[in-house]
Amino acid sequence: KTMGYSMARFTVAVAPETDIDKVSKLIDKIGLSLASEDDWKDKILEAPHFIMMGEFTATAVSLIVSGKTQPSDQWSVVAEMRRRILEKFEHEAITIGTIPVANVTPTRKQR
């Protein structure tokens, strides 16, 4: 059951050479801006913001973003945050990280 709020939590992958301090400040600024807008302020209880670095590889660093929303509003808030982050990253020439996908070859069952 809901506790009166939902969590808008997601990850963003950036290239390993990215300035994490710069990106975390951009994410925080985007979240605060979103939370202050008339169309969003009633849905957001705590502005989405940078929480911490997650896993990292040679091709990506995962950044965890989280905030609180009214129950069931987390999906629209996450979608809008992602859209705005992507737009800002493109404007600032911040490279999105590449998360490797396992190459699994299907095997045939032995008879």
C-alpha atoms as a PDB file:
ATOM      1  CA  LYS A   1       0.000   0.000   0.000  1.00  0.00           C
ATOM      2  CA  THR A   2       1.128   3.524  -0.648  1.00  0.00           C
ATOM      3  CA  MET A   3       2.461   5.598   2.221  1.00  0.00           C
ATOM      4  CA  GLY A   4       1.053   8.848   0.876  1.00  0.00           C
ATOM      5  CA  TYR A   5       3.689   9.267  -1.816  1.00  0.00           C
ATOM      6  CA  SER A   6       5.496   7.449  -4.614  1.00  0.00           C
ATOM      7  CA  MET A   7       9.186   7.469  -5.486  1.00  0.00           C
ATOM      8  CA  ALA A   8      10.319   8.766  -8.868  1.00  0.00           C
ATOM      9  CA  ARG A   9      13.609   6.847  -9.101  1.00  0.00           C
ATOM     10  CA  PHE A  10      15.629   6.106 -12.229  1.00  0.00           C
ATOM     11  CA  THR A  11      19.176   5.887 -13.535  1.00  0.00           C
ATOM     12  CA  VAL A  12      20.962   7.872 -16.222  1.00  0.00           C
ATOM     13  CA  ALA A  13      24.098   6.476 -17.853  1.00  0.00           C
ATOM     14  CA  VAL A  14      26.859   8.859 -18.936  1.00  0.00           C
ATOM     15  CA  ALA A  15      30.255   8.305 -20.508  1.00  0.00           C
ATOM     16  CA  PRO A  16      33.024   7.560 -17.949  1.00  0.00           C
ATOM     17  CA  GLU A  17      34.940  10.754 -18.761  1.00  0.00           C
ATOM     18  CA  THR A  18      31.926  12.910 -17.807  1.00  0.00           C
ATOM     19  CA  ASP A  19      32.347  15.516 -15.057  1.00  0.00           C
ATOM     20  CA  ILE A  20      30.010  13.965 -12.460  1.00  0.00           C
ATOM     21  CA  ASP A  21      29.887  17.132 -10.332  1.00  0.00           C
ATOM     22  CA  LYS A  22      28.717  19.157 -13.349  1.00  0.00           C
ATOM     23  CA  VAL A  23      26.122  16.571 -14.338  1.00  0.00           C
ATOM     24  CA  SER A  24      24.801  16.170 -10.784  1.00  0.00           C
ATOM     25  CA  LYS A  25      24.287  19.937 -10.537  1.00  0.00           C
ATOM     26  CA  LEU A  26      22.479  19.956 -13.905  1.00  0.00           C
ATOM     27  CA  ILE A  27      20.183  17.136 -12.767  1.00  0.00           C
ATOM     28  CA  ASP A  28      19.421  18.961  -9.498  1.00  0.00           C
ATOM     29  CA  LYS A  29      18.676  22.188 -11.377  1.00  0.00           C
ATOM     30  CA  ILE A  30      16.350  20.398 -13.808  1.00  0.00           C
ATOM     31  CA  GLY A  31      14.479  18.735 -10.920  1.00  0.00           C
ATOM     32  CA  LEU A  32      14.049  22.002  -9.007  1.00  0.00           C
ATOM     33  CA  SER A  33      12.846  23.774 -12.137  1.00  0.00           C
ATOM     34  CA  LEU A  34      10.317  21.037 -12.875  1.00  0.00           C
ATOM     35  CA  ALA A  35       9.039  21.002  -9.279  1.00  0.00           C
ATOM     36  CA  SER A  36       8.417  24.759  -9.357  1.00  0.00           C
ATOM     37  CA  GLU A  37       6.334  24.801 -12.551  1.00  0.00           C
ATOM     38  CA  ASP A  38       2.568  25.187 -12.260  1.00  0.00           C
ATOM     39  CA  ASP A  39       1.845  22.012 -14.253  1.00  0.00           C
ATOM     40  CA  TRP A  40       4.092  19.894 -12.006  1.00  0.00           C
ATOM     41  CA  LYS A  41       4.290  21.455  -8.529  1.00  0.00           C
ATOM     42  CA  ASP A  42       1.165  19.674  -7.233  1.00  0.00           C
ATOM     43  CA  LYS A  43       2.515  16.308  -8.402  1.00  0.00           C
ATOM     44  CA  ILE A  44       6.025  16.637  -6.937  1.00  0.00           C
ATOM     45  CA  LEU A  45       6.561  16.450  -3.172  1.00  0.00           C
ATOM     46  CA  GLU A  46      10.386  16.408  -3.329  1.00  0.00           C
ATOM     47  CA  ALA A  47      12.198  17.542  -6.460  1.00  0.00           C
ATOM     48  CA  PRO A  48      13.997  14.762  -8.334  1.00  0.00           C
ATOM     49  CA  HIS A  49      17.719  15.119  -7.656  1.00  0.00           C
ATOM     50  CA  PHE A  50      21.048  13.325  -8.009  1.00  0.00           C
ATOM     51  CA  ILE A  51      21.438  10.709  -5.265  1.00  0.00           C
ATOM     52  CA  MET A  52      24.694   8.904  -6.058  1.00  0.00           C
ATOM     53  CA  MET A  53      26.841   7.149  -8.610  1.00  0.00           C
ATOM     54  CA  GLY A  54      25.787   3.592  -9.192  1.00  0.00           C
ATOM     55  CA  GLU A  55      27.659   0.958 -11.121  1.00  0.00           C
ATOM     56  CA  PHE A  56      30.319   1.865 -13.650  1.00  0.00           C
ATOM     57  CA  THR A  57      32.043   0.146 -16.517  1.00  0.00           C
ATOM     58  CA  ALA A  58      34.573   1.135 -19.160  1.00  0.00           C
ATOM     59  CA  THR A  59      31.702   2.572 -21.220  1.00  0.00           C
ATOM     60  CA  ALA A  60      29.198   4.015 -18.717  1.00  0.00           C
ATOM     61  CA  VAL A  61      28.677   5.477 -15.261  1.00  0.00           C
ATOM     62  CA  SER A  62      25.171   5.083 -13.846  1.00  0.00           C
ATOM     63  CA  LEU A  63      23.781   8.054 -11.948  1.00  0.00           C
ATOM     64  CA  ILE A  64      20.806   7.496  -9.659  1.00  0.00           C
ATOM     65  CA  VAL A  65      18.108  10.175  -9.565  1.00  0.00           C
ATOM     66  CA  SER A  66      15.260  10.179  -7.059  1.00  0.00           C
ATOM     67  CA  GLY A  67      12.401  12.327  -5.791  1.00  0.00           C
ATOM     68  CA  LYS A  68       8.968  11.998  -4.190  1.00  0.00           C
ATOM     69  CA  THR A  69       5.661  12.448  -5.976  1.00  0.00           C
ATOM     70  CA  GLN A  70       1.991  12.171  -5.237  1.00  0.00           C
ATOM     71  CA  PRO A  71       0.846   8.531  -5.458  1.00  0.00           C
ATOM     72  CA  SER A  72       0.864   7.260  -9.060  1.00  0.00           C
ATOM     73  CA  ASP A  73       2.454  10.461 -10.467  1.00  0.00           C
ATOM     74  CA  GLN A  74       5.960   8.977 -10.467  1.00  0.00           C
ATOM     75  CA  TRP A  75       5.704   7.685 -14.049  1.00  0.00           C
ATOM     76  CA  SER A  76       4.883  11.052 -15.604  1.00  0.00           C
ATOM     77  CA  VAL A  77       7.521  12.811 -13.480  1.00  0.00           C
ATOM     78  CA  VAL A  78      10.199  10.269 -14.449  1.00  0.00           C
ATOM     79  CA  ALA A  79       9.288  10.563 -18.130  1.00  0.00           C
ATOM     80  CA  GLU A  80       9.455  14.373 -18.043  1.00  0.00           C
ATOM     81  CA  MET A  81      12.747  14.356 -16.112  1.00  0.00           C
ATOM     82  CA  ARG A  82      14.290  11.961 -18.612  1.00  0.00           C
ATOM     83  CA  ARG A  83      13.102  14.117 -21.515  1.00  0.00           C
ATOM     84  CA  ARG A  84      14.546  17.272 -19.978  1.00  0.00           C
ATOM     85  CA  ILE A  85      17.821  15.595 -18.996  1.00  0.00           C
ATOM     86  CA  LEU A  86      18.290  14.260 -22.519  1.00  0.00           C
ATOM     87  CA  GLU A  87      17.563  17.696 -23.982  1.00  0.00           C
ATOM     88  CA  LYS A  88      20.036  19.377 -21.584  1.00  0.00           C
ATOM     89  CA  PHE A  89      22.715  16.732 -22.207  1.00  0.00           C
ATOM     90  CA  GLU A  90      22.400  17.311 -25.962  1.00  0.00           C
ATOM     91  CA  HIS A  91      22.666  21.081 -25.439  1.00  0.00           C
ATOM     92  CA  GLU A  92      25.711  20.707 -23.143  1.00  0.00           C
ATOM     93  CA  ALA A  93      27.362  17.998 -25.334  1.00  0.00           C
ATOM     94  CA  ILE A  94      27.277  15.454 -22.489  1.00  0.00           C
ATOM     95  CA  THR A  95      27.689  11.944 -23.866  1.00  0.00           C
ATOM     96  CA  ILE A  96      25.233   9.240 -22.852  1.00  0.00           C
ATOM     97  CA  GLY A  97      26.976   6.077 -21.648  1.00  0.00           C
ATOM     98  CA  THR A  98      26.788   2.769 -23.460  1.00  0.00           C
ATOM     99  CA  ILE A  99      25.629  -0.084 -21.283  1.00  0.00           C
ATOM    100  CA  PRO A 100      26.959  -3.377 -22.650  1.00  0.00           C
ATOM    101  CA  VAL A 101      24.430  -6.057 -23.520  1.00  0.00           C
ATOM    102  CA  ALA A 102      25.371  -9.696 -23.066  1.00  0.00           C
ATOM    103  CA  ASN A 103      25.674 -11.539 -26.340  1.00  0.00           C
ATOM    104  CA  VAL A 104      23.943 -14.823 -25.619  1.00  0.00           C
ATOM    105  CA  THR A 105      23.688 -17.409 -28.331  1.00  0.00           C
ATOM    106  CA  PRO A 106      20.686 -19.694 -28.013  1.00  0.00           C
ATOM    107  CA  THR A 107      21.610 -23.335 -27.666  1.00  0.00           C
ATOM    108  CA  ARG A 108      19.709 -26.303 -29.012  1.00  0.00           C
ATOM    109  CA  LYS A 109      18.537 -28.885 -26.571  1.00  0.00           C
ATOM    110  CA  GLN A 110      20.243 -32.235 -26.855  1.00  0.00           C
ATOM    111  CA  ARG A 111      17.984 -35.096 -27.907  1.00  0.00           C
END
